[in-house]
Protein backbone atom coordinates (compact mmCIF):
# COMPACT_ATOMS: atom_id res chain seq x y z
CA GLY A 1 133.12 143.48 56.57
CA HIS A 2 135.60 142.55 59.26
CA LEU A 3 137.64 145.62 60.27
CA GLY A 4 136.29 147.43 57.22
CA ASP A 5 136.55 150.75 59.06
CA GLN A 6 140.33 150.32 59.24
CA ILE A 7 140.54 149.61 55.51
CA GLU A 8 138.40 152.65 54.76
CA LYS A 9 140.54 154.79 57.07
CA TYR A 10 143.73 153.62 55.33
CA TYR A 11 142.48 154.06 51.74
CA GLY A 12 140.17 157.01 52.36
CA ASP A 13 138.45 158.36 49.28
CA ASN A 14 140.54 156.22 46.90
CA MET A 15 138.06 153.33 47.11
CA VAL A 16 134.31 152.83 46.83
CA TYR A 17 132.79 150.69 49.58
CA SER A 18 129.77 148.48 50.08
CA TYR A 19 129.13 147.15 53.58
CA ASP A 20 126.91 144.23 54.53
CA GLY A 21 125.24 146.29 57.24
CA ASP A 22 124.19 145.01 60.65
CA PHE A 23 124.60 141.32 59.72
CA PRO A 24 126.63 139.32 57.17
CA LEU A 25 124.88 138.86 53.83
CA GLY A 26 126.99 135.94 52.63
CA THR A 27 129.24 136.04 49.59
CA GLY A 28 126.32 136.36 47.19
CA GLY A 29 124.26 138.78 49.24
CA ALA A 30 127.23 141.11 49.71
CA LEU A 31 127.94 141.08 45.98
CA LYS A 32 124.27 141.69 45.15
CA LYS A 33 124.24 144.67 47.50
CA ALA A 34 127.32 146.06 45.72
CA GLU A 35 125.73 145.56 42.27
CA PRO A 36 125.19 149.29 41.57
CA LEU A 37 128.94 149.84 42.05
CA LEU A 38 130.03 147.13 39.61
CA ASP A 39 131.10 147.46 35.98
CA ASP A 40 129.53 145.14 33.38
CA GLU A 41 132.53 142.83 33.93
CA PHE A 42 134.54 142.60 37.12
CA ILE A 43 137.07 140.49 39.00
CA LEU A 44 136.05 139.21 42.41
CA ILE A 45 138.93 138.25 44.71
CA ASN A 46 138.52 136.65 48.12
CA GLY A 47 140.18 138.79 50.77
CA ASP A 48 141.74 135.80 52.51
CA THR A 49 143.84 134.45 49.64
CA TYR A 50 146.90 135.56 47.69
CA LEU A 51 147.52 134.61 44.06
CA ASN A 52 150.11 136.08 41.73
CA ILE A 53 148.82 135.72 38.16
CA ASP A 54 148.72 137.72 34.95
CA TYR A 55 145.28 139.35 35.26
CA HIS A 56 145.47 140.68 31.69
CA ASP A 57 145.80 137.10 30.45
CA LEU A 58 142.88 136.07 32.67
CA ILE A 59 140.66 138.81 31.19
CA SER A 60 141.74 137.86 27.65
CA ASP A 61 140.86 134.19 28.25
CA PHE A 62 137.56 135.22 29.83
CA HIS A 63 136.59 137.19 26.73
CA LYS A 64 137.56 134.26 24.48
CA SER A 65 135.45 131.86 26.56
CA ASN A 66 132.14 133.65 25.87
CA LYS A 67 130.95 132.48 29.30
CA LEU A 68 129.26 134.44 32.07
CA ALA A 69 132.07 133.67 34.51
CA MET A 70 135.59 132.27 34.67
CA MET A 71 136.97 130.74 37.84
CA VAL A 72 140.73 130.64 38.45
CA VAL A 73 141.71 127.14 39.60
CA TYR A 74 144.90 125.44 40.70
CA THR A 75 145.30 121.77 39.76
CA LYS A 76 148.52 120.84 41.55
CA ARG A 77 147.00 120.57 45.02
CA LYS A 78 146.87 117.09 46.52
CA LYS A 79 144.06 117.64 49.04
CA ARG A 80 141.08 119.89 49.75
CA ASN A 81 140.15 120.31 46.09
CA ASP A 82 136.63 121.60 45.47
CA VAL A 83 136.02 121.77 41.70
CA MET A 84 136.01 119.39 38.75
CA VAL A 85 137.54 120.84 35.60
CA LYS A 86 136.91 119.23 32.24
CA ASP A 87 137.91 120.82 28.92
CA LYS A 88 138.50 124.25 30.52
CA GLU A 89 135.04 124.25 32.07
CA ILE A 90 133.93 123.85 35.68
CA VAL A 91 131.54 120.89 35.71
CA ARG A 92 131.24 120.44 39.48
CA TYR A 93 131.71 122.52 42.64
CA ASP A 94 131.74 120.58 45.90
CA LYS A 95 133.36 122.09 48.96
CA LYS A 96 131.40 119.84 51.33
CA THR A 97 132.26 116.25 50.35
CA ARG A 98 135.14 117.13 48.00
CA LYS A 99 134.42 114.01 45.92
CA ASN A 100 134.95 113.76 42.17
CA VAL A 101 137.03 116.94 42.06
CA ASN A 102 140.46 117.63 40.54
CA ALA A 103 141.29 121.26 41.30
CA VAL A 104 140.78 124.00 43.86
CA TRP A 105 139.20 127.41 43.39
CA THR A 106 141.82 130.03 44.23
CA GLY A 107 139.31 132.66 45.34
CA VAL A 108 139.56 134.61 42.06
CA ILE A 109 136.72 134.77 39.55
CA VAL A 110 135.84 137.05 36.63
CA MET A 111 132.15 137.65 36.06
CA LYS A 112 129.73 139.50 33.92
CA LYS A 113 127.34 141.56 36.00
CA GLU A 114 124.45 139.68 34.41
CA VAL A 115 125.40 136.69 36.62
CA LEU A 116 123.58 138.51 39.41
CA LYS A 117 120.29 137.89 37.55
CA LEU A 118 120.68 134.32 38.85
CA SER A 119 120.46 135.57 42.44
CA PRO A 120 117.70 134.24 44.66
CA LYS A 121 115.14 136.71 46.00
CA LYS A 122 116.44 136.38 49.57
CA LYS A 123 118.90 138.92 50.94
CA ILE A 124 121.42 136.47 52.45
CA PHE A 125 122.89 133.87 50.09
CA SER A 126 126.10 132.21 48.93
CA LEU A 127 127.76 132.47 45.53
CA GLU A 128 129.29 129.05 46.09
CA TYR A 129 126.06 127.19 46.81
CA GLU A 130 123.41 129.23 45.01
CA ILE A 131 125.09 130.86 41.98
CA PHE A 132 127.93 128.50 40.99
CA PRO A 133 125.56 125.49 40.59
CA LYS A 134 123.32 127.54 38.28
CA LEU A 135 126.31 128.62 36.18
CA ILE A 136 127.52 125.02 36.00
CA LYS A 137 124.08 123.75 34.97
CA LYS A 138 123.95 126.40 32.21
CA ARG A 139 127.56 125.51 31.22
CA GLN A 140 128.54 129.14 31.82
CA LEU A 141 131.47 128.70 34.25
CA ALA A 142 134.83 128.49 32.49
CA ALA A 143 138.11 127.47 34.12
CA TYR A 144 141.34 129.42 34.00
CA ILE A 145 144.02 127.00 35.12
CA THR A 146 147.01 128.54 36.85
CA LYS A 147 150.29 126.84 37.64
CA ASN A 148 151.03 129.47 40.26
CA LYS A 149 150.45 128.29 43.80
CA PHE A 150 147.84 130.23 45.70
CA TYR A 151 148.05 130.90 49.40
CA PRO A 152 145.17 130.94 51.86
CA ILE A 153 145.97 133.75 54.33
CA GLY A 154 142.87 133.85 56.51
CA ARG A 155 144.45 132.48 59.70
CA PRO A 156 147.67 133.46 61.51
CA GLU A 157 149.39 130.12 60.76
CA GLN A 158 148.56 130.53 57.05
CA ILE A 159 150.01 134.03 57.02
CA GLU A 160 153.18 132.64 58.63
CA GLU A 161 153.40 129.90 55.97
CA PHE A 162 152.91 132.54 53.26
CA TYR A 163 155.77 134.66 54.67
CA GLN A 164 158.04 131.59 54.94
CA SER A 165 157.42 130.75 51.27
CA PHE A 166 158.93 134.06 50.17
CA GLN A 167 162.04 134.10 52.34
């Protein structure tokens, strides 16, 4: 989306792209539009976060879980948590009130493409509010708990904090 033309210019033909179009489709709508480009399993990473983890280990745990999706969560955060993890499963997602939660989603999730069958018929929708609750209700959203701190990098002050952490 935002400044996508610059990303495409930089990477050229080394990437495959899916654009929202004339208006934002939301996290779910954008993923649904990209569905023909996806493998049967894929990792979705928010563009405004940084997390250093062993992705091979994540994929291995995902396969062992036999779930439709596995969300990477960080449990050491003291505020702004948005998920409840119980027995390596996400049992609640609440970014609005943030009540009864004990971890934060890091912006990384592994999914089977079949998750998109849970999509609503409308073109614009949110993974967080329209897909995650369905996965939770079906008990199909596993948790991969990382001890590695994740860094939101969507605003200039967050980027500065990220840089300071590595100096």
